[in-house]
Amino acid sequence: MAGTETRVPALLHLMALKLHAAKDAAPHRRYKDLIDIFYLVDANKVDVLGEQFREMCERYGTPDLYEEILRAARKHQRSSAEIRSAEQPGIGPATARVDARPILCLELGTVV
C-alpha cells in the first residue's frame, strides 16, 4: 500500500455522519456511534463546549445527543483526573489504566 493515495473524510464530516446515524438508530447502534464520536473527540482534542461542535450536534444529531456527549466527556474528565491523582511520582502510571482508550460511561452502558 506504500504510495497509494486514499481519501478520508474530514474530522467534522465524519462526526456529522456519526451524529446523523445515531439520531434515529436502534439503542445498540446509537451506543456504538456515540462511542465512535467520543473517541474522535478525545483523540482530536475537540472542544465539546465550543459553538461549532454544539451547532454540528444540533444540526446533524439532536440536542439530546449533544447533552449525552457532554455528560460522557465530563465523566471521562473526572475519571482521568482520578487516575492522574492516583499516580505516584517516580513509580509511573496507576495500574487502573490499562490502555490509552478513554473511559466512557453513557446512560446506555459502560465501556472501560
C-alpha atoms as a PDB file:
ATOM      1  CA  MET A   1       0.000   0.000   0.000  1.00  0.00           C
ATOM      2  CA  ALA A   2       3.016   2.273   0.031  1.00  0.00           C
ATOM      3  CA  GLY A   3       2.436   5.182  -2.303  1.00  0.00           C
ATOM      4  CA  THR A   4      -1.316   4.566  -2.517  1.00  0.00           C
ATOM      5  CA  GLU A   5      -3.499   7.630  -2.166  1.00  0.00           C
ATOM      6  CA  THR A   6      -6.641   7.254  -0.119  1.00  0.00           C
ATOM      7  CA  ARG A   7      -9.396   9.743   0.517  1.00  0.00           C
ATOM      8  CA  VAL A   8     -10.641  10.011   4.082  1.00  0.00           C
ATOM      9  CA  PRO A   9     -13.427  12.204   5.429  1.00  0.00           C
ATOM     10  CA  ALA A  10     -12.541  15.328   7.364  1.00  0.00           C
ATOM     11  CA  LEU A  11     -12.957  15.025  11.130  1.00  0.00           C
ATOM     12  CA  LEU A  12     -16.072  17.218  11.318  1.00  0.00           C
ATOM     13  CA  HIS A  13     -17.665  15.422   8.364  1.00  0.00           C
ATOM     14  CA  LEU A  14     -17.069  12.039   9.983  1.00  0.00           C
ATOM     15  CA  MET A  15     -18.558  13.230  13.272  1.00  0.00           C
ATOM     16  CA  ALA A  16     -21.551  14.707  11.399  1.00  0.00           C
ATOM     17  CA  LEU A  17     -22.120  11.323   9.711  1.00  0.00           C
ATOM     18  CA  LYS A  18     -21.948   9.547  13.069  1.00  0.00           C
ATOM     19  CA  LEU A  19     -24.377  12.052  14.622  1.00  0.00           C
ATOM     20  CA  HIS A  20     -26.813  11.616  11.752  1.00  0.00           C
ATOM     21  CA  ALA A  21     -26.587   7.812  12.069  1.00  0.00           C
ATOM     22  CA  ALA A  22     -27.113   7.946  15.839  1.00  0.00           C
ATOM     23  CA  LYS A  23     -30.114  10.275  15.579  1.00  0.00           C
ATOM     24  CA  ASP A  24     -32.658   7.602  14.615  1.00  0.00           C
ATOM     25  CA  ALA A  25     -30.694   4.447  15.342  1.00  0.00           C
ATOM     26  CA  ALA A  26     -31.680   1.487  17.476  1.00  0.00           C
ATOM     27  CA  PRO A  27     -30.227   1.765  21.008  1.00  0.00           C
ATOM     28  CA  HIS A  28     -27.331  -0.672  20.410  1.00  0.00           C
ATOM     29  CA  ARG A  29     -26.342   1.092  17.167  1.00  0.00           C
ATOM     30  CA  ARG A  30     -26.735   4.533  18.743  1.00  0.00           C
ATOM     31  CA  TYR A  31     -24.389   3.487  21.534  1.00  0.00           C
ATOM     32  CA  LYS A  32     -21.732   2.349  19.033  1.00  0.00           C
ATOM     33  CA  ASP A  33     -21.948   5.637  17.110  1.00  0.00           C
ATOM     34  CA  LEU A  34     -21.670   7.631  20.343  1.00  0.00           C
ATOM     35  CA  ILE A  35     -18.571   5.684  21.336  1.00  0.00           C
ATOM     36  CA  ASP A  36     -17.056   6.423  17.924  1.00  0.00           C
ATOM     37  CA  ILE A  37     -17.868  10.126  18.325  1.00  0.00           C
ATOM     38  CA  PHE A  38     -16.358  10.194  21.788  1.00  0.00           C
ATOM     39  CA  TYR A  39     -13.138   8.536  20.598  1.00  0.00           C
ATOM     40  CA  LEU A  40     -12.884  11.078  17.763  1.00  0.00           C
ATOM     41  CA  VAL A  41     -13.465  13.934  20.215  1.00  0.00           C
ATOM     42  CA  ASP A  42     -10.894  12.584  22.664  1.00  0.00           C
ATOM     43  CA  ALA A  43      -8.206  11.688  20.107  1.00  0.00           C
ATOM     44  CA  ASN A  44      -8.508  15.031  18.328  1.00  0.00           C
ATOM     45  CA  LYS A  45      -8.981  17.214  21.418  1.00  0.00           C
ATOM     46  CA  VAL A  46     -12.281  18.596  20.097  1.00  0.00           C
ATOM     47  CA  ASP A  47     -13.781  21.349  22.246  1.00  0.00           C
ATOM     48  CA  VAL A  48     -17.200  19.864  23.024  1.00  0.00           C
ATOM     49  CA  LEU A  49     -18.185  23.119  24.736  1.00  0.00           C
ATOM     50  CA  GLY A  50     -17.398  25.143  21.616  1.00  0.00           C
ATOM     51  CA  GLU A  51     -20.085  26.703  19.481  1.00  0.00           C
ATOM     52  CA  GLN A  52     -19.028  24.822  16.321  1.00  0.00           C
ATOM     53  CA  PHE A  53     -19.401  21.396  17.961  1.00  0.00           C
ATOM     54  CA  ARG A  54     -22.747  22.276  19.571  1.00  0.00           C
ATOM     55  CA  GLU A  55     -24.141  23.576  16.270  1.00  0.00           C
ATOM     56  CA  MET A  56     -22.975  20.447  14.458  1.00  0.00           C
ATOM     57  CA  CYS A  57     -24.638  18.216  17.059  1.00  0.00           C
ATOM     58  CA  GLU A  58     -27.903  20.129  16.815  1.00  0.00           C
ATOM     59  CA  ARG A  59     -27.832  20.209  13.002  1.00  0.00           C
ATOM     60  CA  TYR A  60     -26.944  16.567  12.314  1.00  0.00           C
ATOM     61  CA  GLY A  61     -27.975  14.944  15.585  1.00  0.00           C
ATOM     62  CA  THR A  62     -30.256  16.179  18.332  1.00  0.00           C
ATOM     63  CA  PRO A  63     -29.885  18.376  21.403  1.00  0.00           C
ATOM     64  CA  ASP A  64     -30.226  15.182  23.470  1.00  0.00           C
ATOM     65  CA  LEU A  65     -27.230  13.619  21.686  1.00  0.00           C
ATOM     66  CA  TYR A  66     -25.205  16.749  22.420  1.00  0.00           C
ATOM     67  CA  GLU A  67     -26.119  16.568  26.111  1.00  0.00           C
ATOM     68  CA  GLU A  68     -25.244  12.871  26.202  1.00  0.00           C
ATOM     69  CA  ILE A  69     -21.821  13.584  24.694  1.00  0.00           C
ATOM     70  CA  LEU A  70     -21.256  16.387  27.222  1.00  0.00           C
ATOM     71  CA  ARG A  71     -22.151  14.067  30.126  1.00  0.00           C
ATOM     72  CA  ALA A  72     -19.743  11.406  28.832  1.00  0.00           C
ATOM     73  CA  ALA A  73     -16.980  13.992  28.373  1.00  0.00           C
ATOM     74  CA  ARG A  74     -17.437  15.241  31.945  1.00  0.00           C
ATOM     75  CA  LYS A  75     -17.323  11.684  33.318  1.00  0.00           C
ATOM     76  CA  HIS A  76     -14.199  10.968  31.279  1.00  0.00           C
ATOM     77  CA  GLN A  77     -12.574  14.160  32.548  1.00  0.00           C
ATOM     78  CA  ARG A  78     -13.315  13.191  36.165  1.00  0.00           C
ATOM     79  CA  SER A  79     -12.058   9.631  35.611  1.00  0.00           C
ATOM     80  CA  SER A  80      -8.836  10.891  34.041  1.00  0.00           C
ATOM     81  CA  ALA A  81      -8.299  13.292  36.922  1.00  0.00           C
ATOM     82  CA  GLU A  82      -8.830  10.481  39.441  1.00  0.00           C
ATOM     83  CA  ILE A  83      -6.322   8.270  37.622  1.00  0.00           C
ATOM     84  CA  ARG A  84      -3.737  11.081  37.489  1.00  0.00           C
ATOM     85  CA  SER A  85      -4.197  11.751  41.204  1.00  0.00           C
ATOM     86  CA  ALA A  86      -3.587   8.045  41.918  1.00  0.00           C
ATOM     87  CA  GLU A  87      -0.227   8.137  40.129  1.00  0.00           C
ATOM     88  CA  GLN A  88       2.782   8.378  42.379  1.00  0.00           C
ATOM     89  CA  PRO A  89       5.916  10.303  41.372  1.00  0.00           C
ATOM     90  CA  GLY A  90       8.740   8.018  40.269  1.00  0.00           C
ATOM     91  CA  ILE A  91       6.552   4.924  40.106  1.00  0.00           C
ATOM     92  CA  GLY A  92       4.722   5.552  36.822  1.00  0.00           C
ATOM     93  CA  PRO A  93       1.081   5.482  35.883  1.00  0.00           C
ATOM     94  CA  ALA A  94      -1.501   3.913  38.131  1.00  0.00           C
ATOM     95  CA  THR A  95      -2.403   0.346  37.189  1.00  0.00           C
ATOM     96  CA  ALA A  96      -6.067   1.381  36.940  1.00  0.00           C
ATOM     97  CA  ARG A  97      -5.470   2.472  33.353  1.00  0.00           C
ATOM     98  CA  VAL A  98      -4.523  -0.497  31.219  1.00  0.00           C
ATOM     99  CA  ASP A  99      -4.502   1.134  27.779  1.00  0.00           C
ATOM    100  CA  ALA A 100      -4.851   4.524  26.130  1.00  0.00           C
ATOM    101  CA  ARG A 101      -8.581   4.214  25.367  1.00  0.00           C
ATOM    102  CA  PRO A 102     -10.730   6.725  27.209  1.00  0.00           C
ATOM    103  CA  ILE A 103     -13.013   5.562  29.957  1.00  0.00           C
ATOM    104  CA  LEU A 104     -16.529   6.179  28.663  1.00  0.00           C
ATOM    105  CA  CYS A 105     -19.757   5.992  30.607  1.00  0.00           C
ATOM    106  CA  LEU A 106     -23.026   6.643  28.798  1.00  0.00           C
ATOM    107  CA  GLU A 107     -26.550   6.120  30.023  1.00  0.00           C
ATOM    108  CA  LEU A 108     -26.874   3.063  27.777  1.00  0.00           C
ATOM    109  CA  GLY A 109     -23.886   1.253  29.273  1.00  0.00           C
ATOM    110  CA  THR A 110     -20.259   1.448  30.235  1.00  0.00           C
ATOM    111  CA  VAL A 111     -17.062   0.938  28.290  1.00  0.00           C
ATOM    112  CA  VAL A 112     -13.772   0.795  30.139  1.00  0.00           C
END
